[in-house]
Amino acid sequence: MPQLNPSPWLAILIFSWLVFLLIIPPKIMAHISPNEPALKSTEKSLTESWTWPWH
């Protein structure tokens, strides 16, 4: 049964893990977010209650 022969599958497994661990993470970490988070002000905003008639 050819699927029990470990020589090609072991090489494929090791090569794929090398790709996942060494090549892909630097490429992903090099991307920057187009919308950087803005700092919120620490002062509290004043909210006014609504004067809508609820009936």
C-alpha atoms as a PDB file:
ATOM      1  CA  MET A   1       0.000   0.000   0.000  1.00  0.00           C
ATOM      2  CA  PRO A   2       1.721   3.199  -1.107  1.00  0.00           C
ATOM      3  CA  GLN A   3       0.132   5.435   1.538  1.00  0.00           C
ATOM      4  CA  LEU A   4       2.026   3.531   4.225  1.00  0.00           C
ATOM      5  CA  ASN A   5       5.397   4.418   2.709  1.00  0.00           C
ATOM      6  CA  PRO A   6       6.566   7.354   4.877  1.00  0.00           C
ATOM      7  CA  SER A   7       9.284   8.705   2.620  1.00  0.00           C
ATOM      8  CA  PRO A   8       7.269  11.039   0.343  1.00  0.00           C
ATOM      9  CA  TRP A   9       4.676  11.957   2.971  1.00  0.00           C
ATOM     10  CA  LEU A  10       7.245  12.782   5.629  1.00  0.00           C
ATOM     11  CA  ALA A  11       9.039  15.122   3.239  1.00  0.00           C
ATOM     12  CA  ILE A  12       5.749  16.782   2.268  1.00  0.00           C
ATOM     13  CA  LEU A  13       4.793  17.170   5.936  1.00  0.00           C
ATOM     14  CA  ILE A  14       8.128  18.699   6.903  1.00  0.00           C
ATOM     15  CA  PHE A  15       8.174  21.025   3.888  1.00  0.00           C
ATOM     16  CA  SER A  16       4.616  22.227   4.484  1.00  0.00           C
ATOM     17  CA  TRP A  17       5.374  22.957   8.158  1.00  0.00           C
ATOM     18  CA  LEU A  18       8.503  24.869   7.158  1.00  0.00           C
ATOM     19  CA  VAL A  19       6.384  26.960   4.807  1.00  0.00           C
ATOM     20  CA  PHE A  20       3.785  27.604   7.503  1.00  0.00           C
ATOM     21  CA  LEU A  21       6.338  28.465  10.186  1.00  0.00           C
ATOM     22  CA  LEU A  22       9.058  30.322   8.277  1.00  0.00           C
ATOM     23  CA  ILE A  23       7.585  31.908   5.159  1.00  0.00           C
ATOM     24  CA  ILE A  24       3.953  32.806   5.842  1.00  0.00           C
ATOM     25  CA  PRO A  25       4.185  34.591   9.268  1.00  0.00           C
ATOM     26  CA  PRO A  26       6.614  37.352   8.122  1.00  0.00           C
ATOM     27  CA  LYS A  27       4.432  38.002   5.081  1.00  0.00           C
ATOM     28  CA  ILE A  28       1.315  38.304   7.240  1.00  0.00           C
ATOM     29  CA  MET A  29       3.023  40.456   9.876  1.00  0.00           C
ATOM     30  CA  ALA A  30       4.304  42.838   7.177  1.00  0.00           C
ATOM     31  CA  HIS A  31       0.765  43.968   6.371  1.00  0.00           C
ATOM     32  CA  ILE A  32      -0.448  47.103   8.060  1.00  0.00           C
ATOM     33  CA  SER A  33      -4.011  47.937   8.898  1.00  0.00           C
ATOM     34  CA  PRO A  34      -5.491  50.669   6.702  1.00  0.00           C
ATOM     35  CA  ASN A  35      -7.546  51.971   9.625  1.00  0.00           C
ATOM     36  CA  GLU A  36      -5.316  52.402  12.624  1.00  0.00           C
ATOM     37  CA  PRO A  37      -7.293  52.663  15.859  1.00  0.00           C
ATOM     38  CA  ALA A  38      -7.687  56.198  17.138  1.00  0.00           C
ATOM     39  CA  LEU A  39      -7.240  57.094  20.780  1.00  0.00           C
ATOM     40  CA  LYS A  40     -10.432  58.084  22.542  1.00  0.00           C
ATOM     41  CA  SER A  41     -10.489  61.207  24.627  1.00  0.00           C
ATOM     42  CA  THR A  42     -10.638  60.716  28.365  1.00  0.00           C
ATOM     43  CA  GLU A  43     -13.111  63.514  28.993  1.00  0.00           C
ATOM     44  CA  LYS A  44     -16.677  62.434  29.451  1.00  0.00           C
ATOM     45  CA  SER A  45     -19.167  63.773  26.951  1.00  0.00           C
ATOM     46  CA  LEU A  46     -22.377  65.360  28.159  1.00  0.00           C
ATOM     47  CA  THR A  47     -25.478  63.531  27.081  1.00  0.00           C
ATOM     48  CA  GLU A  48     -28.895  65.095  27.158  1.00  0.00           C
ATOM     49  CA  SER A  49     -32.106  63.190  27.556  1.00  0.00           C
ATOM     50  CA  TRP A  50     -34.563  62.983  24.715  1.00  0.00           C
ATOM     51  CA  THR A  51     -37.727  65.032  24.883  1.00  0.00           C
ATOM     52  CA  TRP A  52     -39.773  62.814  22.620  1.00  0.00           C
ATOM     53  CA  PRO A  53     -43.398  62.206  23.562  1.00  0.00           C
ATOM     54  CA  TRP A  54     -43.827  58.471  24.076  1.00  0.00           C
ATOM     55  CA  HIS A  55     -47.511  57.712  23.727  1.00  0.00           C
END
